[in-house]
Protein backbone atom coordinates (compact mmCIF):
# COMPACT_ATOMS: atom_id res chain seq x y z
CA UNK A 1 -63.03 1.93 19.24
CA UNK A 2 -60.13 0.29 17.34
CA UNK A 3 -60.69 -0.56 13.73
CA UNK A 4 -59.73 -4.01 12.24
CA UNK A 5 -56.02 -4.03 11.20
CA UNK A 6 -55.27 -0.84 13.07
CA UNK A 7 -52.02 -0.88 15.30
CA UNK A 8 -52.38 0.14 18.89
CA UNK A 9 -50.90 3.54 19.80
CA UNK A 10 -48.05 2.11 21.82
CA UNK A 11 -47.10 -0.21 18.85
CA UNK A 12 -47.12 2.89 16.42
CA UNK A 13 -45.00 4.81 18.96
CA UNK A 14 -42.57 1.86 19.04
CA UNK A 15 -42.29 1.85 15.24
CA UNK A 16 -41.71 5.58 15.17
CA UNK A 17 -38.93 5.30 17.69
CA UNK A 18 -37.40 2.50 15.73
CA UNK A 19 -37.61 4.46 12.51
CA UNK A 20 -35.93 7.50 14.18
CA UNK A 21 -33.24 5.32 15.68
CA UNK A 22 -31.03 3.73 12.97
CA UNK A 23 -29.83 0.81 15.14
CA UNK A 24 -27.98 -0.87 12.28
CA UNK A 25 -25.98 2.38 11.44
CA UNK A 26 -25.09 2.88 15.02
CA UNK A 27 -23.83 -0.78 15.38
CA UNK A 28 -21.87 -0.53 12.21
CA UNK A 29 -20.37 2.81 13.19
CA UNK A 30 -19.38 1.52 16.64
CA UNK A 31 -17.79 -1.65 15.04
CA UNK A 32 -15.92 0.58 12.58
CA UNK A 33 -14.48 2.71 15.41
CA UNK A 34 -13.52 -0.38 17.39
CA UNK A 35 -11.84 -2.01 14.39
CA UNK A 36 -9.90 1.15 13.56
CA UNK A 37 -8.71 1.54 17.01
CA UNK A 38 -7.48 -1.98 17.25
CA UNK A 39 -5.88 -1.76 13.80
CA UNK A 40 -4.03 1.44 14.60
CA UNK A 41 -2.96 0.57 18.10
CA UNK A 42 -1.73 -2.96 17.09
CA UNK A 43 0.12 -1.49 14.01
CA UNK A 44 1.77 1.26 15.99
CA UNK A 45 2.94 -1.20 18.81
CA UNK A 46 4.53 -3.50 16.25
CA UNK A 47 6.16 -0.82 14.10
CA UNK A 48 7.30 1.43 17.05
CA UNK A 49 8.98 -1.50 18.71
CA UNK A 50 10.70 -2.64 15.45
CA UNK A 51 9.49 -6.18 15.81
CA UNK A 52 10.49 -7.11 12.32
CA UNK A 53 13.18 -5.94 9.86
CA UNK A 54 12.55 -4.59 6.41
CA UNK A 55 13.65 -7.94 4.84
CA UNK A 56 11.12 -9.82 6.93
CA UNK A 57 8.31 -7.44 5.90
CA UNK A 58 9.35 -8.10 2.24
CA UNK A 59 9.21 -11.83 2.83
CA UNK A 60 5.72 -11.44 4.32
CA UNK A 61 4.53 -9.57 1.30
CA UNK A 62 5.99 -11.94 -1.23
CA UNK A 63 4.50 -14.84 0.55
CA UNK A 64 1.11 -13.13 0.60
CA UNK A 65 1.32 -12.34 -3.16
CA UNK A 66 2.24 -15.99 -4.10
CA UNK A 67 -0.46 -17.50 -1.89
CA UNK A 68 -3.05 -14.85 -2.92
CA UNK A 69 -2.34 -15.65 -6.54
CA UNK A 70 -3.41 -19.24 -5.94
CA UNK A 71 -6.45 -18.17 -3.96
CA UNK A 72 -7.36 -15.97 -7.01
CA UNK A 73 -7.09 -19.03 -9.33
CA UNK A 74 -9.34 -21.16 -7.12
CA UNK A 75 -11.72 -18.25 -6.65
CA UNK A 76 -12.27 -17.97 -10.36
CA UNK A 77 -13.98 -21.32 -10.30
CA UNK A 78 -16.36 -20.10 -7.66
CA UNK A 79 -17.17 -16.92 -9.54
CA UNK A 80 -17.51 -18.52 -12.92
CA UNK A 81 -20.08 -21.06 -11.62
CA UNK A 82 -21.99 -18.33 -9.72
CA UNK A 83 -22.05 -16.10 -12.68
CA UNK A 84 -23.76 -18.83 -14.76
CA UNK A 85 -25.99 -20.82 -12.40
CA UNK A 86 -26.06 -18.42 -9.22
CA UNK A 87 -25.01 -21.25 -6.92
CA UNK A 88 -21.98 -21.62 -4.65
CA UNK A 89 -20.01 -24.70 -5.62
CA UNK A 90 -18.59 -25.61 -2.17
CA UNK A 91 -17.12 -28.78 -3.70
CA UNK A 92 -14.71 -26.71 -5.69
CA UNK A 93 -11.98 -27.13 -3.05
CA UNK A 94 -12.14 -30.75 -3.66
CA UNK A 95 -11.77 -30.27 -7.34
CA UNK A 96 -8.57 -28.36 -6.57
CA UNK A 97 -7.46 -31.22 -4.33
CA UNK A 98 -8.16 -33.91 -6.87
CA UNK A 99 -5.81 -32.41 -9.45
CA UNK A 100 -2.95 -31.84 -7.04
CA UNK A 101 -3.23 -35.19 -5.39
CA UNK A 102 -3.44 -37.18 -8.61
CA UNK A 103 -0.51 -35.23 -10.20
CA UNK A 104 1.61 -36.24 -7.06
CA UNK A 105 1.91 -39.82 -8.29
CA UNK A 106 3.17 -38.61 -11.72
CA UNK A 107 5.47 -36.26 -9.91
CA UNK A 108 6.85 -38.99 -7.71
CA UNK A 109 7.44 -41.24 -10.79
CA UNK A 110 9.17 -38.42 -12.65
CA UNK A 111 11.26 -37.47 -9.69
CA UNK A 112 12.42 -41.07 -9.05
CA UNK A 113 13.40 -41.31 -12.67
CA UNK A 114 15.32 -38.19 -12.57
CA UNK A 115 13.15 -36.49 -15.15
CA UNK A 116 12.27 -33.45 -12.94
CA UNK A 117 16.01 -32.67 -12.49
CA UNK A 118 16.98 -33.22 -16.14
CA UNK A 119 13.89 -31.71 -17.80
CA UNK A 120 12.21 -29.55 -15.18
CA UNK A 121 10.15 -27.39 -17.41
CA UNK A 122 8.69 -30.21 -19.39
CA UNK A 123 8.09 -32.10 -16.16
CA UNK A 124 6.16 -29.23 -14.63
CA UNK A 125 4.15 -28.81 -17.84
CA UNK A 126 3.31 -32.67 -17.66
CA UNK A 127 2.19 -32.20 -14.05
CA UNK A 128 0.02 -29.17 -14.85
CA UNK A 129 -1.53 -31.12 -17.80
CA UNK A 130 -2.34 -34.10 -15.52
CA UNK A 131 -3.72 -32.08 -12.69
CA UNK A 132 -5.80 -29.83 -15.03
CA UNK A 133 -7.26 -32.95 -16.90
CA UNK A 134 -8.18 -34.66 -13.64
CA UNK A 135 -9.74 -31.57 -12.06
CA UNK A 136 -11.67 -30.82 -15.28
CA UNK A 137 -13.06 -34.30 -15.37
CA UNK A 138 -14.12 -34.12 -11.70
CA UNK A 139 -15.78 -30.75 -12.22
CA UNK A 140 -17.66 -31.93 -15.30
CA UNK A 141 -18.90 -35.04 -13.57
CA UNK A 142 -19.95 -32.86 -10.55
CA UNK A 143 -22.02 -30.66 -12.85
CA UNK A 144 -23.57 -33.65 -14.70
CA UNK A 145 -24.42 -35.75 -11.69
CA UNK A 146 -24.95 -33.27 -8.83
CA UNK A 147 -25.97 -29.91 -10.28
CA UNK A 148 -27.80 -30.49 -13.55
CA UNK A 149 -30.70 -32.34 -12.03
CA UNK A 150 -31.31 -29.52 -9.62
CA UNK A 151 -31.31 -26.49 -11.86
CA UNK A 152 -34.96 -25.73 -11.30
CA UNK A 153 -34.77 -26.37 -7.53
CA UNK A 154 -34.70 -23.67 -4.76
CA UNK A 155 -31.16 -22.34 -4.24
CA UNK A 156 -30.83 -24.00 -0.90
CA UNK A 157 -31.05 -27.36 -2.44
CA UNK A 158 -27.91 -27.13 -4.64
CA UNK A 159 -26.11 -25.50 -1.69
CA UNK A 160 -26.80 -28.57 0.45
CA UNK A 161 -25.90 -30.83 -2.42
CA UNK A 162 -22.59 -28.96 -2.86
CA UNK A 163 -21.68 -29.60 0.78
CA UNK A 164 -22.59 -33.21 0.38
CA UNK A 165 -20.53 -33.54 -2.91
CA UNK A 166 -17.53 -31.90 -1.13
CA UNK A 167 -17.53 -34.56 1.63
CA UNK A 168 -18.12 -37.33 -1.04
CA UNK A 169 -15.16 -36.34 -3.02
CA UNK A 170 -12.91 -35.76 -0.03
CA UNK A 171 -13.53 -39.29 1.29
CA UNK A 172 -13.57 -40.90 -2.08
CA UNK A 173 -10.01 -39.66 -2.70
CA UNK A 174 -9.10 -40.70 0.85
CA UNK A 175 -10.12 -44.24 0.00
CA UNK A 176 -8.39 -44.04 -3.41
CA UNK A 177 -5.02 -42.52 -2.36
CA UNK A 178 -4.96 -43.07 1.40
CA UNK A 179 -5.31 -40.87 4.56
CA UNK A 180 -1.59 -39.90 4.97
CA UNK A 181 -0.04 -36.61 3.88
CA UNK A 182 2.37 -36.92 0.91
CA UNK A 183 5.50 -34.95 0.56
CA UNK A 184 5.71 -33.54 -2.91
CA UNK A 185 8.92 -34.31 -4.95
CA UNK A 186 11.42 -31.52 -5.10
CA UNK A 187 12.29 -29.79 -8.48
CA UNK A 188 15.82 -28.67 -8.21
CA UNK A 189 15.54 -25.82 -10.59
CA UNK A 190 13.03 -24.04 -8.26
CA UNK A 191 15.47 -24.11 -5.26
CA UNK A 192 16.85 -20.82 -4.18
CA UNK A 193 15.74 -17.21 -4.80
CA UNK A 194 15.74 -14.52 -7.48
CA UNK A 195 16.49 -10.90 -6.66
CA UNK A 196 14.06 -8.60 -8.56
CA UNK A 197 14.39 -4.88 -7.98
CA UNK A 198 15.96 -5.46 -4.71
CA UNK A 199 13.19 -7.84 -3.49
CA UNK A 200 14.09 -11.56 -2.97
CA UNK A 201 11.48 -13.93 -4.39
CA UNK A 202 11.61 -17.57 -3.89
CA UNK A 203 11.70 -19.34 -7.36
CA UNK A 204 8.69 -21.29 -6.53
CA UNK A 205 6.78 -18.16 -5.23
CA UNK A 206 7.73 -16.37 -8.44
CA UNK A 207 6.41 -19.30 -10.56
CA UNK A 208 3.09 -19.24 -8.70
CA UNK A 209 2.70 -15.53 -9.24
CA UNK A 210 3.64 -15.47 -13.00
CA UNK A 211 1.71 -18.66 -13.68
CA UNK A 212 -1.40 -17.19 -11.96
CA UNK A 213 -1.18 -14.00 -13.86
CA UNK A 214 -0.80 -15.86 -17.20
CA UNK A 215 -3.85 -18.03 -16.48
CA UNK A 216 -5.97 -15.19 -15.25
CA UNK A 217 -5.02 -13.12 -18.32
CA UNK A 218 -5.78 -16.07 -20.65
CA UNK A 219 -9.26 -16.45 -18.92
CA UNK A 220 -10.01 -12.75 -19.29
CA UNK A 221 -9.37 -12.83 -23.03
CA UNK A 222 -11.23 -16.09 -23.46
CA UNK A 223 -14.30 -14.66 -21.74
CA UNK A 224 -14.28 -11.39 -23.49
CA UNK A 225 -12.86 -12.19 -27.04
CA UNK A 226 -14.14 -15.65 -27.94
CA UNK A 227 -17.51 -16.96 -29.16
CA UNK A 228 -17.62 -19.40 -26.24
CA UNK A 229 -16.83 -16.58 -23.81
CA UNK A 230 -19.63 -14.48 -25.20
CA UNK A 231 -21.93 -17.44 -24.83
CA UNK A 232 -20.99 -17.84 -21.19
CA UNK A 233 -21.81 -14.12 -20.63
CA UNK A 234 -25.13 -14.41 -22.38
CA UNK A 235 -26.16 -17.52 -20.38
CA UNK A 236 -25.12 -15.63 -17.21
CA UNK A 237 -27.44 -12.83 -18.13
CA UNK A 238 -30.45 -14.83 -19.00
CA UNK A 239 -30.54 -18.48 -19.79
CA UNK A 240 -33.94 -18.55 -21.51
CA UNK A 241 -33.09 -15.61 -23.86
CA UNK A 242 -29.66 -17.16 -24.64
CA UNK A 243 -31.37 -20.39 -25.53
CA UNK A 244 -33.80 -18.62 -27.85
CA UNK A 245 -30.74 -16.99 -29.56
CA UNK A 246 -29.37 -20.40 -30.49
CA UNK A 247 -26.83 -20.82 -27.69
CA UNK A 248 -26.46 -24.38 -26.26
CA UNK A 249 -26.96 -23.76 -22.59
CA UNK A 250 -26.03 -27.15 -21.36
CA UNK A 251 -22.70 -27.08 -23.34
CA UNK A 252 -21.88 -23.59 -22.12
CA UNK A 253 -22.44 -24.63 -18.53
CA UNK A 254 -20.21 -27.64 -18.93
CA UNK A 255 -17.58 -25.44 -20.51
CA UNK A 256 -17.74 -23.16 -17.52
CA UNK A 257 -17.29 -26.00 -15.06
CA UNK A 258 -14.46 -27.34 -17.23
CA UNK A 259 -12.63 -24.01 -17.19
CA UNK A 260 -13.04 -23.65 -13.52
CA UNK A 261 -11.74 -27.21 -12.99
CA UNK A 262 -8.74 -26.62 -15.26
CA UNK A 263 -7.75 -23.48 -13.34
CA UNK A 264 -8.19 -25.32 -9.93
CA UNK A 265 -6.01 -28.24 -11.16
CA UNK A 266 -3.23 -25.82 -12.23
CA UNK A 267 -3.51 -24.08 -8.90
CA UNK A 268 -3.32 -27.48 -7.12
CA UNK A 269 0.06 -28.25 -8.75
CA UNK A 270 1.34 -24.73 -7.99
CA UNK A 271 0.14 -25.09 -4.40
CA UNK A 272 1.97 -28.45 -3.96
CA UNK A 273 5.18 -27.01 -5.39
CA UNK A 274 4.93 -24.05 -3.08
CA UNK A 275 4.02 -25.86 0.07
CA UNK A 276 5.55 -29.23 -0.62
CA UNK A 277 2.78 -31.65 0.45
CA UNK A 278 -0.69 -32.90 -0.50
CA UNK A 279 -3.40 -34.70 1.31
CA UNK A 280 -7.06 -35.55 0.82
CA UNK A 281 -8.14 -32.64 3.07
CA UNK A 282 -5.96 -30.04 1.41
CA UNK A 283 -8.78 -28.57 -0.61
CA UNK A 284 -11.12 -27.51 2.32
CA UNK A 285 -9.31 -24.52 3.93
CA UNK A 286 -7.83 -23.12 0.57
CA UNK A 287 -11.35 -23.60 -0.88
CA UNK A 288 -13.06 -21.52 1.90
CA UNK A 289 -10.43 -18.87 1.68
CA UNK A 290 -10.86 -18.66 -2.19
CA UNK A 291 -14.59 -18.38 -1.58
CA UNK A 292 -13.79 -15.46 0.86
CA UNK A 293 -11.71 -13.91 -1.88
CA UNK A 294 -14.58 -14.26 -4.45
CA UNK A 295 -16.98 -12.66 -1.96
CA UNK A 296 -14.50 -9.91 -1.08
CA UNK A 297 -13.96 -9.02 -4.85
CA UNK A 298 -17.62 -9.43 -5.77
CA UNK A 299 -18.94 -12.90 -6.46
CA UNK A 300 -19.62 -13.23 -10.16
CA UNK A 301 -16.78 -10.83 -11.14
CA UNK A 302 -13.66 -12.20 -12.72
CA UNK A 303 -11.53 -9.20 -11.99
CA UNK A 304 -13.11 -9.18 -8.46
CA UNK A 305 -12.05 -12.72 -7.77
CA UNK A 306 -8.47 -11.89 -8.89
CA UNK A 307 -8.37 -8.80 -6.73
CA UNK A 308 -9.92 -10.51 -3.75
CA UNK A 309 -7.51 -13.39 -4.01
CA UNK A 310 -4.52 -11.17 -3.91
CA UNK A 311 -6.01 -9.13 -1.01
CA UNK A 312 -6.80 -12.18 1.16
CA UNK A 313 -3.28 -13.57 0.54
CA UNK A 314 -1.68 -10.30 1.52
CA UNK A 315 -3.89 -9.75 4.52
CA UNK A 316 -3.37 -13.22 6.01
CA UNK A 317 0.41 -12.87 5.57
CA UNK A 318 0.84 -9.31 6.77
CA UNK A 319 -1.99 -8.73 9.18
CA UNK A 320 -0.97 -11.26 11.91
CA UNK A 321 2.61 -9.89 12.49
CA UNK A 322 1.45 -6.35 11.99
CA UNK A 323 -1.58 -6.26 14.34
CA UNK A 324 -0.59 -9.03 16.85
CA UNK A 325 3.05 -9.03 17.37
CA UNK A 326 3.01 -5.77 19.19
CA UNK A 327 0.29 -7.07 21.49
CA UNK A 328 2.70 -9.88 22.47
CA UNK A 329 0.31 -12.50 21.03
CA UNK A 330 2.19 -15.87 20.91
CA UNK A 331 2.21 -17.98 17.71
CA UNK A 332 0.29 -15.24 15.78
CA UNK A 333 0.95 -16.94 12.37
CA UNK A 334 -1.36 -19.68 13.52
CA UNK A 335 -4.16 -17.09 13.45
CA UNK A 336 -3.98 -16.63 9.59
CA UNK A 337 -7.28 -18.63 9.23
CA UNK A 338 -8.97 -16.28 11.74
CA UNK A 339 -7.88 -13.23 9.79
CA UNK A 340 -9.26 -14.75 6.42
CA UNK A 341 -12.64 -15.70 7.96
CA UNK A 342 -12.87 -12.31 9.74
CA UNK A 343 -12.54 -10.78 6.33
CA UNK A 344 -15.47 -12.77 5.00
CA UNK A 345 -17.65 -11.77 8.07
CA UNK A 346 -16.70 -7.99 7.75
CA UNK A 347 -17.34 -8.03 3.96
CA UNK A 348 -20.81 -9.58 4.49
CA UNK A 349 -21.55 -6.90 7.14
CA UNK A 350 -20.16 -3.69 5.54
CA UNK A 351 -20.30 -4.47 1.74
CA UNK A 352 -22.17 -7.71 0.92
CA UNK A 353 -21.78 -7.16 -2.84
CA UNK A 354 -18.02 -7.09 -2.63
CA UNK A 355 -15.53 -4.52 -3.75
CA UNK A 356 -16.36 -4.75 -7.54
CA UNK A 357 -19.86 -6.31 -7.16
CA UNK A 358 -23.32 -4.65 -7.25
CA UNK A 359 -24.72 -3.33 -4.03
CA UNK A 360 -28.29 -3.61 -5.10
CA UNK A 361 -30.52 -5.82 -3.03
CA UNK A 362 -31.16 -9.16 -4.76
CA UNK A 363 -34.74 -10.39 -5.14
CA UNK A 364 -35.31 -13.92 -4.16
């Protein structure tokens, strides 16, 4: 006679078989073999046929580094907010857009007055300041109005709110600035290329790389060497204990959003200078790719966000020609978004904690 709560023999046998058969490991191993085969075969076909010259490969890598540097700057906003509040701020792409789009009108005025041609360095500094101030203001308002009332809510609620805030900001700026794509004014000093160690860098690309490195270095020292940075790390560890130690938690969280917004605004101007246009929708795709970079590096890790951004930029610039040109895929550069989002899926499958993140299971 079967006792209450006792599983039938066939159910126990099924569980035993399932325990002996590591289905997930088999699927992951099979997927790994398939990916390695496709990568090796595609790369071999492209390289053996000499589809591209050495100079073309250099241009792919330089473009990947410059774009990846901007992804890294945007990704820092995701990782800072997650490190403090453990939420994904999906409206951060619109914070990036707000700074770039607002600075466009200042850039147009400076360009028409000839200021960008006669005083290019000061002009770029003014654009960065305007974009950073705008994005900082949007980020702080976002925290105060959308996220602060939901701090004690389940994590799904702020996530849904973030998506709603993203759409709200996107269409608010559409109403303010119009639906059309705007061409960013040219800065004459950034025309042409510089040759560094035999590698040709576009001047705008080099400004993006150097500017991103400078801002990321400044953020690293701010977080690790200043009182406000130590407060941010303390709040990220435990908000209640940090409050008992005399840290103003609300002010620290606002500071975190402000820094993320400032970096996003600077990235917006550099993005506009690099790609030459802005629109009310320009924040969505870069924002998702920056989120991919944050996940790849390890969400919550500043160095991980920087590493992830560079890797995503390089992979989306180099992988399409390397893997797809040999297979005679037409218009393979249009598949860059597919590469970026495939990276996100693969990271979540193989290493959910990211390259520099913790692999411990999170208790919910």
